[in-house]
Each structure stands twice: as structure tokens, then as C-alpha cells.
Amino acid sequence: MHVISEKALKEFWKRHPDAEMPLKAWRDVTRRARWRNIMDTKRDFPHADSAGRCTVFNIKGNRYRLITAIHYNTQRVYVRHVLTHSEYDTEGWKNDCGC
């Protein structure tokens, strides 16, 4: 999978240094993946959940949330949001995902 854009990940871990290693681990697994559907994604990340057009990943034991749009047909993962749990709870991200 091609991760677009890693800039959002880097900006987040600059503000939250404890997220750097978990986000890098997610990125590395995702880069090597060849997912065809959500079930493939869940094999690598069992707690990944579909939310409208998005897939939500728990990062660092659910402390952070990574919101992505996965285009299985083009093998691209678009990073939409990286949020703290409290930011995630405000649900503003749902507008992007059609929830």
C-alpha cells in the first residue's frame, strides 16, 4: 500500500512524541501490505474499524486514532486525520467519512 501523506503522521508525532514509534510501526506494516478489503486490513490490525468511507485505527493502545481512506483498487491509503482520543470523541472527523 502507498501511504499518502506521511506528513500528517510526522506533524502529529512532533506534537505527541510518544506516538512516533506506534505510527511508524503502522506505516511500515501498511507499506508492506497488499490489502484487498477490510478483512485483509483486520488481519494486520484486528482493531481496525470501518466508519462510513473511512477506516479507523487504534494507535498506542487506543490513546490515539488514525482515520484513513483506503482505496483498495489503487493500493493507496490516505491519511485523513490523526487525533487524540478526546479529539476523536468530538466526532468532527465523521464529516469526511460520510458517517
PDB file of N, CA and C in Angstrom:
ATOM      1  N   MET A   1       0.855  -1.178   0.000  1.00  0.00           N
ATOM      2  CA  MET A   1       0.000   0.000   0.000  1.00  0.00           C
ATOM      3  C   MET A   1       0.897   1.235   0.000  1.00  0.00           C
ATOM      4  N   HIS A   2       0.418   2.247  -0.674  1.00  0.00           N
ATOM      5  CA  HIS A   2       1.124   3.530  -0.708  1.00  0.00           C
ATOM      6  C   HIS A   2       0.434   4.462   0.289  1.00  0.00           C
ATOM      7  N   VAL A   3       1.178   4.968   1.268  1.00  0.00           N
ATOM      8  CA  VAL A   3       0.621   5.837   2.313  1.00  0.00           C
ATOM      9  C   VAL A   3       0.740   7.291   1.876  1.00  0.00           C
ATOM     10  N   ILE A   4      -0.393   7.969   1.822  1.00  0.00           N
ATOM     11  CA  ILE A   4      -0.459   9.377   1.414  1.00  0.00           C
ATOM     12  C   ILE A   4      -1.199  10.138   2.525  1.00  0.00           C
ATOM     13  N   SER A   5      -0.707  11.043   3.148  1.00  0.00           N
ATOM     14  CA  SER A   5       0.622  11.574   3.140  1.00  0.00           C
ATOM     15  C   SER A   5       1.222  11.338   4.505  1.00  0.00           C
ATOM     16  N   GLU A   6       2.481  10.996   4.514  1.00  0.00           N
ATOM     17  CA  GLU A   6       3.176  10.772   5.777  1.00  0.00           C
ATOM     18  C   GLU A   6       3.408  12.072   6.534  1.00  0.00           C
ATOM     19  N   LYS A   7       3.270  13.181   5.869  1.00  0.00           N
ATOM     20  CA  LYS A   7       3.457  14.478   6.517  1.00  0.00           C
ATOM     21  C   LYS A   7       2.532  14.629   7.728  1.00  0.00           C
ATOM     22  N   ALA A   8       1.288  14.198   7.579  1.00  0.00           N
ATOM     23  CA  ALA A   8       0.331  14.302   8.689  1.00  0.00           C
ATOM     24  C   ALA A   8       0.783  13.470   9.883  1.00  0.00           C
ATOM     25  N   LEU A   9       1.360  12.299   9.610  1.00  0.00           N
ATOM     26  CA  LEU A   9       1.864  11.458  10.699  1.00  0.00           C
ATOM     27  C   LEU A   9       3.006  12.157  11.422  1.00  0.00           C
ATOM     28  N   LYS A  10       3.939  12.695  10.645  1.00  0.00           N
ATOM     29  CA  LYS A  10       5.101  13.372  11.226  1.00  0.00           C
ATOM     30  C   LYS A  10       4.698  14.595  12.039  1.00  0.00           C
ATOM     31  N   GLU A  11       3.759  15.369  11.523  1.00  0.00           N
ATOM     32  CA  GLU A  11       3.297  16.552  12.258  1.00  0.00           C
ATOM     33  C   GLU A  11       2.662  16.148  13.582  1.00  0.00           C
ATOM     34  N   PHE A  12       1.922  15.041  13.573  1.00  0.00           N
ATOM     35  CA  PHE A  12       1.280  14.596  14.801  1.00  0.00           C
ATOM     36  C   PHE A  12       2.314  14.145  15.820  1.00  0.00           C
ATOM     37  N   TRP A  13       3.296  13.346  15.398  1.00  0.00           N
ATOM     38  CA  TRP A  13       4.253  12.857  16.389  1.00  0.00           C
ATOM     39  C   TRP A  13       5.210  13.943  16.860  1.00  0.00           C
ATOM     40  N   LYS A  14       5.313  15.045  16.133  1.00  0.00           N
ATOM     41  CA  LYS A  14       6.078  16.180  16.666  1.00  0.00           C
ATOM     42  C   LYS A  14       5.364  16.778  17.870  1.00  0.00           C
ATOM     43  N   ARG A  15       4.039  16.804  17.823  1.00  0.00           N
ATOM     44  CA  ARG A  15       3.244  17.328  18.940  1.00  0.00           C
ATOM     45  C   ARG A  15       3.058  16.292  20.051  1.00  0.00           C
ATOM     46  N   HIS A  16       3.091  15.014  19.665  1.00  0.00           N
ATOM     47  CA  HIS A  16       2.881  13.909  20.609  1.00  0.00           C
ATOM     48  C   HIS A  16       3.993  12.879  20.391  1.00  0.00           C
ATOM     49  N   PRO A  17       5.181  13.131  20.956  1.00  0.00           N
ATOM     50  CA  PRO A  17       6.341  12.266  20.697  1.00  0.00           C
ATOM     51  C   PRO A  17       6.122  10.789  21.018  1.00  0.00           C
ATOM     52  N   ASP A  18       5.247  10.491  21.962  1.00  0.00           N
ATOM     53  CA  ASP A  18       5.004   9.085  22.296  1.00  0.00           C
ATOM     54  C   ASP A  18       4.249   8.349  21.195  1.00  0.00           C
ATOM     55  N   ALA A  19       3.730   9.068  20.221  1.00  0.00           N
ATOM     56  CA  ALA A  19       3.025   8.449  19.096  1.00  0.00           C
ATOM     57  C   ALA A  19       3.969   8.093  17.949  1.00  0.00           C
ATOM     58  N   GLU A  20       5.203   8.576  17.994  1.00  0.00           N
ATOM     59  CA  GLU A  20       6.115   8.366  16.853  1.00  0.00           C
ATOM     60  C   GLU A  20       6.336   6.885  16.542  1.00  0.00           C
ATOM     61  N   MET A  21       6.747   6.110  17.503  1.00  0.00           N
ATOM     62  CA  MET A  21       7.053   4.699  17.229  1.00  0.00           C
ATOM     63  C   MET A  21       5.805   3.914  16.810  1.00  0.00           C
ATOM     64  N   PRO A  22       4.665   4.078  17.477  1.00  0.00           N
ATOM     65  CA  PRO A  22       3.471   3.356  17.023  1.00  0.00           C
ATOM     66  C   PRO A  22       3.027   3.767  15.609  1.00  0.00           C
ATOM     67  N   LEU A  23       3.138   5.052  15.279  1.00  0.00           N
ATOM     68  CA  LEU A  23       2.754   5.486  13.933  1.00  0.00           C
ATOM     69  C   LEU A  23       3.740   4.976  12.881  1.00  0.00           C
ATOM     70  N   LYS A  24       5.013   4.941  13.214  1.00  0.00           N
ATOM     71  CA  LYS A  24       5.999   4.380  12.285  1.00  0.00           C
ATOM     72  C   LYS A  24       5.749   2.889  12.087  1.00  0.00           C
ATOM     73  N   ALA A  25       5.402   2.196  13.154  1.00  0.00           N
ATOM     74  CA  ALA A  25       5.107   0.765  13.037  1.00  0.00           C
ATOM     75  C   ALA A  25       3.886   0.553  12.138  1.00  0.00           C
ATOM     76  N   TRP A  26       2.820   1.352  12.341  1.00  0.00           N
ATOM     77  CA  TRP A  26       1.637   1.261  11.478  1.00  0.00           C
ATOM     78  C   TRP A  26       2.026   1.507  10.019  1.00  0.00           C
ATOM     79  N   ARG A  27       2.801   2.564   9.790  1.00  0.00           N
ATOM     80  CA  ARG A  27       3.235   2.912   8.430  1.00  0.00           C
ATOM     81  C   ARG A  27       4.017   1.770   7.790  1.00  0.00           C
ATOM     82  N   ASP A  28       4.931   1.180   8.527  1.00  0.00           N
ATOM     83  CA  ASP A  28       5.764   0.115   7.975  1.00  0.00           C
ATOM     84  C   ASP A  28       4.947  -1.119   7.606  1.00  0.00           C
ATOM     85  N   VAL A  29       4.031  -1.518   8.469  1.00  0.00           N
ATOM     86  CA  VAL A  29       3.159  -2.658   8.166  1.00  0.00           C
ATOM     87  C   VAL A  29       2.292  -2.331   6.957  1.00  0.00           C
ATOM     88  N   THR A  30       1.746  -1.123   6.931  1.00  0.00           N
ATOM     89  CA  THR A  30       0.854  -0.721   5.844  1.00  0.00           C
ATOM     90  C   THR A  30       1.594  -0.672   4.514  1.00  0.00           C
ATOM     91  N   ARG A  31       2.797  -0.171   4.498  1.00  0.00           N
ATOM     92  CA  ARG A  31       3.583  -0.121   3.258  1.00  0.00           C
ATOM     93  C   ARG A  31       3.804  -1.508   2.656  1.00  0.00           C
ATOM     94  N   ARG A  32       3.995  -2.502   3.506  1.00  0.00           N
ATOM     95  CA  ARG A  32       4.248  -3.866   3.029  1.00  0.00           C
ATOM     96  C   ARG A  32       2.970  -4.601   2.631  1.00  0.00           C
ATOM     97  N   ALA A  33       1.828  -4.085   3.059  1.00  0.00           N
ATOM     98  CA  ALA A  33       0.549  -4.780   2.861  1.00  0.00           C
ATOM     99  C   ALA A  33       0.073  -4.703   1.414  1.00  0.00           C
ATOM    100  N   ARG A  34      -0.760  -5.663   1.054  1.00  0.00           N
ATOM    101  CA  ARG A  34      -1.457  -5.687  -0.231  1.00  0.00           C
ATOM    102  C   ARG A  34      -2.924  -6.011   0.045  1.00  0.00           C
ATOM    103  N   TRP A  35      -3.558  -5.137   0.838  1.00  0.00           N
ATOM    104  CA  TRP A  35      -4.937  -5.374   1.252  1.00  0.00           C
ATOM    105  C   TRP A  35      -5.889  -5.297   0.069  1.00  0.00           C
ATOM    106  N   ARG A  36      -6.891  -6.163   0.084  1.00  0.00           N
ATOM    107  CA  ARG A  36      -7.941  -6.153  -0.938  1.00  0.00           C
ATOM    108  C   ARG A  36      -9.292  -5.734  -0.376  1.00  0.00           C
ATOM    109  N   ASN A  37      -9.396  -5.778   0.966  1.00  0.00           N
ATOM    110  CA  ASN A  37     -10.669  -5.442   1.616  1.00  0.00           C
ATOM    111  C   ASN A  37     -10.415  -5.261   3.109  1.00  0.00           C
ATOM    112  N   ILE A  38     -11.476  -4.917   3.835  1.00  0.00           N
ATOM    113  CA  ILE A  38     -11.338  -4.644   5.269  1.00  0.00           C
ATOM    114  C   ILE A  38     -10.893  -5.898   6.034  1.00  0.00           C
ATOM    115  N   MET A  39     -11.277  -7.065   5.572  1.00  0.00           N
ATOM    116  CA  MET A  39     -10.861  -8.288   6.266  1.00  0.00           C
ATOM    117  C   MET A  39      -9.347  -8.479   6.170  1.00  0.00           C
ATOM    118  N   ASP A  40      -8.754  -8.150   5.029  1.00  0.00           N
ATOM    119  CA  ASP A  40      -7.293  -8.191   4.910  1.00  0.00           C
ATOM    120  C   ASP A  40      -6.655  -7.200   5.881  1.00  0.00           C
ATOM    121  N   THR A  41      -7.239  -6.012   5.953  1.00  0.00           N
ATOM    122  CA  THR A  41      -6.726  -4.974   6.851  1.00  0.00           C
ATOM    123  C   THR A  41      -6.779  -5.461   8.300  1.00  0.00           C
ATOM    124  N   LYS A  42      -7.886  -6.102   8.664  1.00  0.00           N
ATOM    125  CA  LYS A  42      -8.068  -6.577  10.035  1.00  0.00           C
ATOM    126  C   LYS A  42      -7.110  -7.712  10.390  1.00  0.00           C
ATOM    127  N   ARG A  43      -6.577  -8.412   9.409  1.00  0.00           N
ATOM    128  CA  ARG A  43      -5.586  -9.447   9.712  1.00  0.00           C
ATOM    129  C   ARG A  43      -4.318  -8.813  10.273  1.00  0.00           C
ATOM    130  N   ASP A  44      -3.963  -7.642   9.736  1.00  0.00           N
ATOM    131  CA  ASP A  44      -2.794  -6.923  10.237  1.00  0.00           C
ATOM    132  C   ASP A  44      -3.119  -6.067  11.451  1.00  0.00           C
ATOM    133  N   PHE A  45      -4.318  -5.512  11.472  1.00  0.00           N
ATOM    134  CA  PHE A  45      -4.745  -4.618  12.553  1.00  0.00           C
ATOM    135  C   PHE A  45      -6.143  -5.043  13.007  1.00  0.00           C
ATOM    136  N   PRO A  46      -6.222  -6.012  13.922  1.00  0.00           N
ATOM    137  CA  PRO A  46      -7.523  -6.563  14.320  1.00  0.00           C
ATOM    138  C   PRO A  46      -8.530  -5.545  14.839  1.00  0.00           C
ATOM    139  N   HIS A  47      -8.059  -4.419  15.364  1.00  0.00           N
ATOM    140  CA  HIS A  47      -8.985  -3.432  15.913  1.00  0.00           C
ATOM    141  C   HIS A  47      -9.362  -2.343  14.922  1.00  0.00           C
ATOM    142  N   ALA A  48      -8.961  -2.498  13.662  1.00  0.00           N
ATOM    143  CA  ALA A  48      -9.367  -1.531  12.630  1.00  0.00           C
ATOM    144  C   ALA A  48     -10.872  -1.641  12.420  1.00  0.00           C
ATOM    145  N   ASP A  49     -11.521  -0.490  12.272  1.00  0.00           N
ATOM    146  CA  ASP A  49     -12.972  -0.476  12.083  1.00  0.00           C
ATOM    147  C   ASP A  49     -13.349   0.404  10.907  1.00  0.00           C
ATOM    148  N   SER A  50     -14.352  -0.035  10.168  1.00  0.00           N
ATOM    149  CA  SER A  50     -14.916   0.789   9.102  1.00  0.00           C
ATOM    150  C   SER A  50     -15.837   1.829   9.722  1.00  0.00           C
ATOM    151  N   ALA A  51     -15.768   3.044   9.183  1.00  0.00           N
ATOM    152  CA  ALA A  51     -16.654   4.125   9.624  1.00  0.00           C
ATOM    153  C   ALA A  51     -17.017   4.921   8.374  1.00  0.00           C
ATOM    154  N   GLY A  52     -18.139   4.602   7.782  1.00  0.00           N
ATOM    155  CA  GLY A  52     -18.507   5.238   6.520  1.00  0.00           C
ATOM    156  C   GLY A  52     -17.487   4.878   5.453  1.00  0.00           C
ATOM    157  N   ARG A  53     -16.919   5.895   4.814  1.00  0.00           N
ATOM    158  CA  ARG A  53     -15.900   5.677   3.781  1.00  0.00           C
ATOM    159  C   ARG A  53     -14.495   5.534   4.365  1.00  0.00           C
ATOM    160  N   CYS A  54     -14.375   5.563   5.672  1.00  0.00           N
ATOM    161  CA  CYS A  54     -13.062   5.570   6.320  1.00  0.00           C
ATOM    162  C   CYS A  54     -12.795   4.279   7.083  1.00  0.00           C
ATOM    163  N   THR A  55     -11.521   4.113   7.410  1.00  0.00           N
ATOM    164  CA  THR A  55     -11.095   3.049   8.306  1.00  0.00           C
ATOM    165  C   THR A  55     -10.360   3.710   9.466  1.00  0.00           C
ATOM    166  N   VAL A  56     -10.740   3.328  10.675  1.00  0.00           N
ATOM    167  CA  VAL A  56     -10.178   3.913  11.898  1.00  0.00           C
ATOM    168  C   VAL A  56      -9.245   2.891  12.536  1.00  0.00           C
ATOM    169  N   PHE A  57      -8.028   3.343  12.852  1.00  0.00           N
ATOM    170  CA  PHE A  57      -7.032   2.505  13.508  1.00  0.00           C
ATOM    171  C   PHE A  57      -6.773   3.047  14.906  1.00  0.00           C
ATOM    172  N   ASN A  58      -6.665   2.132  15.874  1.00  0.00           N
ATOM    173  CA  ASN A  58      -6.250   2.489  17.227  1.00  0.00           C
ATOM    174  C   ASN A  58      -4.729   2.534  17.240  1.00  0.00           C
ATOM    175  N   ILE A  59      -4.181   3.606  17.767  1.00  0.00           N
ATOM    176  CA  ILE A  59      -2.740   3.782  17.842  1.00  0.00           C
ATOM    177  C   ILE A  59      -2.346   3.922  19.308  1.00  0.00           C
ATOM    178  N   LYS A  60      -1.286   3.241  19.673  1.00  0.00           N
ATOM    179  CA  LYS A  60      -0.750   3.274  21.051  1.00  0.00           C
ATOM    180  C   LYS A  60      -1.822   2.895  22.075  1.00  0.00           C
ATOM    181  N   GLY A  61      -2.357   1.692  21.885  1.00  0.00           N
ATOM    182  CA  GLY A  61      -3.320   1.173  22.857  1.00  0.00           C
ATOM    183  C   GLY A  61      -4.566   2.013  22.970  1.00  0.00           C
ATOM    184  N   ASN A  62      -5.034   2.551  21.839  1.00  0.00           N
ATOM    185  CA  ASN A  62      -6.267   3.334  21.775  1.00  0.00           C
ATOM    186  C   ASN A  62      -6.103   4.746  22.334  1.00  0.00           C
ATOM    187  N   ARG A  63      -4.870   5.154  22.596  1.00  0.00           N
ATOM    188  CA  ARG A  63      -4.651   6.528  23.067  1.00  0.00           C
ATOM    189  C   ARG A  63      -4.871   7.532  21.935  1.00  0.00           C
ATOM    190  N   TYR A  64      -4.530   7.107  20.716  1.00  0.00           N
ATOM    191  CA  TYR A  64      -4.684   7.952  19.532  1.00  0.00           C
ATOM    192  C   TYR A  64      -5.497   7.208  18.492  1.00  0.00           C
ATOM    193  N   ARG A  65      -6.078   7.974  17.578  1.00  0.00           N
ATOM    194  CA  ARG A  65      -6.863   7.392  16.490  1.00  0.00           C
ATOM    195  C   ARG A  65      -6.339   7.911  15.165  1.00  0.00           C
ATOM    196  N   LEU A  66      -6.189   7.005  14.231  1.00  0.00           N
ATOM    197  CA  LEU A  66      -5.752   7.321  12.882  1.00  0.00           C
ATOM    198  C   LEU A  66      -6.926   7.053  11.950  1.00  0.00           C
ATOM    199  N   ILE A  67      -7.384   8.098  11.277  1.00  0.00           N
ATOM    200  CA  ILE A  67      -8.515   7.994  10.363  1.00  0.00           C
ATOM    201  C   ILE A  67      -7.958   7.992   8.939  1.00  0.00           C
ATOM    202  N   THR A  68      -8.302   6.969   8.180  1.00  0.00           N
ATOM    203  CA  THR A  68      -7.780   6.844   6.821  1.00  0.00           C
ATOM    204  C   THR A  68      -8.909   6.578   5.838  1.00  0.00           C
ATOM    205  N   ALA A  69      -8.606   6.818   4.577  1.00  0.00           N
ATOM    206  CA  ALA A  69      -9.476   6.388   3.477  1.00  0.00           C
ATOM    207  C   ALA A  69      -8.636   5.409   2.668  1.00  0.00           C
ATOM    208  N   ILE A  70      -9.057   4.157   2.648  1.00  0.00           N
ATOM    209  CA  ILE A  70      -8.294   3.130   1.941  1.00  0.00           C
ATOM    210  C   ILE A  70      -8.946   2.877   0.587  1.00  0.00           C
ATOM    211  N   HIS A  71      -8.152   3.006  -0.448  1.00  0.00           N
ATOM    212  CA  HIS A  71      -8.602   2.716  -1.813  1.00  0.00           C
ATOM    213  C   HIS A  71      -7.931   1.403  -2.218  1.00  0.00           C
ATOM    214  N   TYR A  72      -8.635   0.324  -1.980  1.00  0.00           N
ATOM    215  CA  TYR A  72      -8.067  -0.997  -2.226  1.00  0.00           C
ATOM    216  C   TYR A  72      -7.722  -1.206  -3.698  1.00  0.00           C
ATOM    217  N   ASN A  73      -8.528  -0.651  -4.588  1.00  0.00           N
ATOM    218  CA  ASN A  73      -8.301  -0.849  -6.023  1.00  0.00           C
ATOM    219  C   ASN A  73      -7.012  -0.207  -6.519  1.00  0.00           C
ATOM    220  N   THR A  74      -6.568   0.872  -5.890  1.00  0.00           N
ATOM    221  CA  THR A  74      -5.331   1.542  -6.304  1.00  0.00           C
ATOM    222  C   THR A  74      -4.192   1.324  -5.307  1.00  0.00           C
ATOM    223  N   GLN A  75      -4.469   0.572  -4.234  1.00  0.00           N
ATOM    224  CA  GLN A  75      -3.465   0.275  -3.210  1.00  0.00           C
ATOM    225  C   GLN A  75      -2.926   1.548  -2.553  1.00  0.00           C
ATOM    226  N   ARG A  76      -3.846   2.467  -2.263  1.00  0.00           N
ATOM    227  CA  ARG A  76      -3.475   3.717  -1.599  1.00  0.00           C
ATOM    228  C   ARG A  76      -4.240   3.871  -0.296  1.00  0.00           C
ATOM    229  N   VAL A  77      -3.528   4.377   0.704  1.00  0.00           N
ATOM    230  CA  VAL A  77      -4.127   4.700   1.993  1.00  0.00           C
ATOM    231  C   VAL A  77      -3.915   6.184   2.226  1.00  0.00           C
ATOM    232  N   TYR A  78      -5.000   6.920   2.296  1.00  0.00           N
ATOM    233  CA  TYR A  78      -4.945   8.364   2.507  1.00  0.00           C
ATOM    234  C   TYR A  78      -5.152   8.656   3.988  1.00  0.00           C
ATOM    235  N   VAL A  79      -4.177   9.312   4.589  1.00  0.00           N
ATOM    236  CA  VAL A  79      -4.300   9.718   5.992  1.00  0.00           C
ATOM    237  C   VAL A  79      -5.202  10.942   6.030  1.00  0.00           C
ATOM    238  N   ARG A  80      -6.342  10.804   6.688  1.00  0.00           N
ATOM    239  CA  ARG A  80      -7.315  11.903   6.777  1.00  0.00           C
ATOM    240  C   ARG A  80      -7.123  12.706   8.064  1.00  0.00           C
ATOM    241  N   HIS A  81      -6.950  11.991   9.182  1.00  0.00           N
ATOM    242  CA  HIS A  81      -6.795  12.644  10.487  1.00  0.00           C
ATOM    243  C   HIS A  81      -5.961  11.757  11.399  1.00  0.00           C
ATOM    244  N   VAL A  82      -5.174  12.385  12.248  1.00  0.00           N
ATOM    245  CA  VAL A  82      -4.530  11.714  13.378  1.00  0.00           C
ATOM    246  C   VAL A  82      -4.969  12.508  14.596  1.00  0.00           C
ATOM    247  N   LEU A  83      -5.619  11.834  15.526  1.00  0.00           N
ATOM    248  CA  LEU A  83      -6.293  12.535  16.619  1.00  0.00           C
ATOM    249  C   LEU A  83      -5.977  11.914  17.974  1.00  0.00           C
ATOM    250  N   THR A  84      -6.018  12.759  18.995  1.00  0.00           N
ATOM    251  CA  THR A  84      -6.019  12.224  20.351  1.00  0.00           C
ATOM    252  C   THR A  84      -7.397  11.610  20.575  1.00  0.00           C
ATOM    253  N   HIS A  85      -7.506  10.829  21.618  1.00  0.00           N
ATOM    254  CA  HIS A  85      -8.804  10.206  21.878  1.00  0.00           C
ATOM    255  C   HIS A  85      -9.874  11.263  22.145  1.00  0.00           C
ATOM    256  N   SER A  86      -9.523  12.317  22.851  1.00  0.00           N
ATOM    257  CA  SER A  86     -10.518  13.366  23.136  1.00  0.00           C
ATOM    258  C   SER A  86     -10.911  14.117  21.860  1.00  0.00           C
ATOM    259  N   GLU A  87      -9.974  14.348  20.946  1.00  0.00           N
ATOM    260  CA  GLU A  87     -10.312  14.976  19.663  1.00  0.00           C
ATOM    261  C   GLU A  87     -11.225  14.066  18.844  1.00  0.00           C
ATOM    262  N   TYR A  88     -10.940  12.782  18.880  1.00  0.00           N
ATOM    263  CA  TYR A  88     -11.758  11.798  18.172  1.00  0.00           C
ATOM    264  C   TYR A  88     -13.195  11.823  18.695  1.00  0.00           C
ATOM    265  N   ASP A  89     -13.338  11.946  19.994  1.00  0.00           N
ATOM    266  CA  ASP A  89     -14.664  11.936  20.619  1.00  0.00           C
ATOM    267  C   ASP A  89     -15.541  13.115  20.207  1.00  0.00           C
ATOM    268  N   THR A  90     -14.951  14.208  19.708  1.00  0.00           N
ATOM    269  CA  THR A  90     -15.764  15.348  19.269  1.00  0.00           C
ATOM    270  C   THR A  90     -16.495  15.037  17.972  1.00  0.00           C
ATOM    271  N   GLU A  91     -16.073  13.989  17.270  1.00  0.00           N
ATOM    272  CA  GLU A  91     -16.729  13.462  16.073  1.00  0.00           C
ATOM    273  C   GLU A  91     -16.703  14.374  14.872  1.00  0.00           C
ATOM    274  N   GLY A  92     -15.892  15.427  14.864  1.00  0.00           N
ATOM    275  CA  GLY A  92     -15.777  16.295  13.696  1.00  0.00           C
ATOM    276  C   GLY A  92     -15.250  15.573  12.480  1.00  0.00           C
ATOM    277  N   TRP A  93     -14.444  14.547  12.679  1.00  0.00           N
ATOM    278  CA  TRP A  93     -13.873  13.757  11.580  1.00  0.00           C
ATOM    279  C   TRP A  93     -14.934  13.018  10.780  1.00  0.00           C
ATOM    280  N   LYS A  94     -16.088  12.780  11.378  1.00  0.00           N
ATOM    281  CA  LYS A  94     -17.116  11.988  10.708  1.00  0.00           C
ATOM    282  C   LYS A  94     -17.636  12.653   9.422  1.00  0.00           C
ATOM    283  N   ASN A  95     -17.535  13.977   9.334  1.00  0.00           N
ATOM    284  CA  ASN A  95     -17.977  14.658   8.110  1.00  0.00           C
ATOM    285  C   ASN A  95     -17.178  14.199   6.902  1.00  0.00           C
ATOM    286  N   ASP A  96     -15.880  13.969   7.082  1.00  0.00           N
ATOM    287  CA  ASP A  96     -15.021  13.495   5.987  1.00  0.00           C
ATOM    288  C   ASP A  96     -15.378  12.089   5.549  1.00  0.00           C
ATOM    289  N   CYS A  97     -15.938  11.318   6.450  1.00  0.00           N
ATOM    290  CA  CYS A  97     -16.141   9.895   6.201  1.00  0.00           C
ATOM    291  C   CYS A  97     -17.572   9.536   5.804  1.00  0.00           C
ATOM    292  N   GLY A  98     -18.435  10.521   5.801  1.00  0.00           N
ATOM    293  CA  GLY A  98     -19.825  10.245   5.445  1.00  0.00           C
ATOM    294  C   GLY A  98     -20.565   9.462   6.504  1.00  0.00           C
ATOM    295  N   CYS A  99     -20.194   9.670   7.751  1.00  0.00           N
ATOM    296  CA  CYS A  99     -20.855   8.956   8.854  1.00  0.00           C
ATOM    297  C   CYS A  99     -22.082   9.713   9.329  1.00  0.00           C
TER     298      CYS A  99
END
